Amino acid sequence: MEWLAKREGISFSLKVCDLVKEALETEEDVALSTFALEREPTSAKSKALAHDEVW
């Protein structure tokens, strides 16, 4: 990891911090994806909002 920090011109501790944040974001994405996949079969299409209604 030291070479990654040197390549980016940042400290080793900052690189470790960045990598930990990335890992946590990935874990969150996986958890939310799993949650969505579990809910999808039970969601009623008739209750779904259109794109324009959401944005």
C-alpha atoms as a PDB file:
ATOM      1  CA  MET A   1       0.000   0.000   0.000  1.00  0.00           C
ATOM      2  CA  GLU A   2       2.909   2.305   0.547  1.00  0.00           C
ATOM      3  CA  TRP A   3       3.617   2.458  -3.177  1.00  0.00           C
ATOM      4  CA  LEU A   4      -0.019   3.450  -3.815  1.00  0.00           C
ATOM      5  CA  ALA A   5       0.316   6.355  -1.402  1.00  0.00           C
ATOM      6  CA  LYS A   6       3.617   7.429  -2.943  1.00  0.00           C
ATOM      7  CA  ARG A   7       2.174   7.174  -6.449  1.00  0.00           C
ATOM      8  CA  GLU A   8      -0.691   9.464  -5.442  1.00  0.00           C
ATOM      9  CA  GLY A   9       1.526  11.808  -3.451  1.00  0.00           C
ATOM     10  CA  ILE A  10      -0.350  11.294  -0.189  1.00  0.00           C
ATOM     11  CA  SER A  11       0.562   9.912   3.210  1.00  0.00           C
ATOM     12  CA  PHE A  12       0.298   6.215   3.970  1.00  0.00           C
ATOM     13  CA  SER A  13      -2.317   6.854   6.672  1.00  0.00           C
ATOM     14  CA  LEU A  14      -4.472   8.900   4.292  1.00  0.00           C
ATOM     15  CA  LYS A  15      -4.298   6.121   1.695  1.00  0.00           C
ATOM     16  CA  VAL A  16      -5.321   3.546   4.304  1.00  0.00           C
ATOM     17  CA  CYS A  17      -8.203   5.800   5.350  1.00  0.00           C
ATOM     18  CA  ASP A  18      -9.332   6.149   1.712  1.00  0.00           C
ATOM     19  CA  LEU A  19      -9.199   2.388   1.178  1.00  0.00           C
ATOM     20  CA  VAL A  20     -11.174   1.702   4.355  1.00  0.00           C
ATOM     21  CA  LYS A  21     -13.845   4.198   3.247  1.00  0.00           C
ATOM     22  CA  GLU A  22     -14.039   2.492  -0.148  1.00  0.00           C
ATOM     23  CA  ALA A  23     -14.391  -0.900   1.506  1.00  0.00           C
ATOM     24  CA  LEU A  24     -17.189   0.353   3.760  1.00  0.00           C
ATOM     25  CA  GLU A  25     -19.016   1.877   0.786  1.00  0.00           C
ATOM     26  CA  THR A  26     -18.736  -1.430  -1.061  1.00  0.00           C
ATOM     27  CA  GLU A  27     -20.099  -3.318   1.954  1.00  0.00           C
ATOM     28  CA  GLU A  28     -22.990  -0.852   2.134  1.00  0.00           C
ATOM     29  CA  ASP A  29     -23.718  -1.283  -1.581  1.00  0.00           C
ATOM     30  CA  VAL A  30     -23.801  -5.068  -1.204  1.00  0.00           C
ATOM     31  CA  ALA A  31     -26.105  -4.866   1.827  1.00  0.00           C
ATOM     32  CA  LEU A  32     -28.512  -2.456   0.118  1.00  0.00           C
ATOM     33  CA  SER A  33     -28.512  -4.543  -3.051  1.00  0.00           C
ATOM     34  CA  THR A  34     -29.341  -7.666  -1.061  1.00  0.00           C
ATOM     35  CA  PHE A  35     -32.127  -5.804   0.741  1.00  0.00           C
ATOM     36  CA  ALA A  36     -33.567  -4.570  -2.569  1.00  0.00           C
ATOM     37  CA  LEU A  37     -33.431  -8.024  -4.148  1.00  0.00           C
ATOM     38  CA  GLU A  38     -35.296  -9.495  -1.174  1.00  0.00           C
ATOM     39  CA  ARG A  39     -38.021  -6.849  -1.414  1.00  0.00           C
ATOM     40  CA  GLU A  40     -38.396  -6.858  -5.194  1.00  0.00           C
ATOM     41  CA  PRO A  41     -40.654  -9.938  -5.492  1.00  0.00           C
ATOM     42  CA  THR A  42     -43.160  -8.449  -3.044  1.00  0.00           C
ATOM     43  CA  SER A  43     -43.312  -4.948  -4.500  1.00  0.00           C
ATOM     44  CA  ALA A  44     -46.529  -4.082  -6.307  1.00  0.00           C
ATOM     45  CA  LYS A  45     -45.969  -2.534  -9.733  1.00  0.00           C
ATOM     46  CA  SER A  46     -49.241  -0.615  -9.345  1.00  0.00           C
ATOM     47  CA  LYS A  47     -47.797   1.279  -6.356  1.00  0.00           C
ATOM     48  CA  ALA A  48     -44.523   2.133  -8.091  1.00  0.00           C
ATOM     49  CA  LEU A  49     -43.842   5.785  -8.851  1.00  0.00           C
ATOM     50  CA  ALA A  50     -42.881   6.983 -12.312  1.00  0.00           C
ATOM     51  CA  HIS A  51     -39.460   8.555 -12.847  1.00  0.00           C
ATOM     52  CA  ASP A  52     -41.012  12.028 -13.228  1.00  0.00           C
ATOM     53  CA  GLU A  53     -42.898  11.633  -9.945  1.00  0.00           C
ATOM     54  CA  VAL A  54     -39.714  10.838  -8.065  1.00  0.00           C
ATOM     55  CA  TRP A  55     -37.487  13.519  -9.576  1.00  0.00           C
END
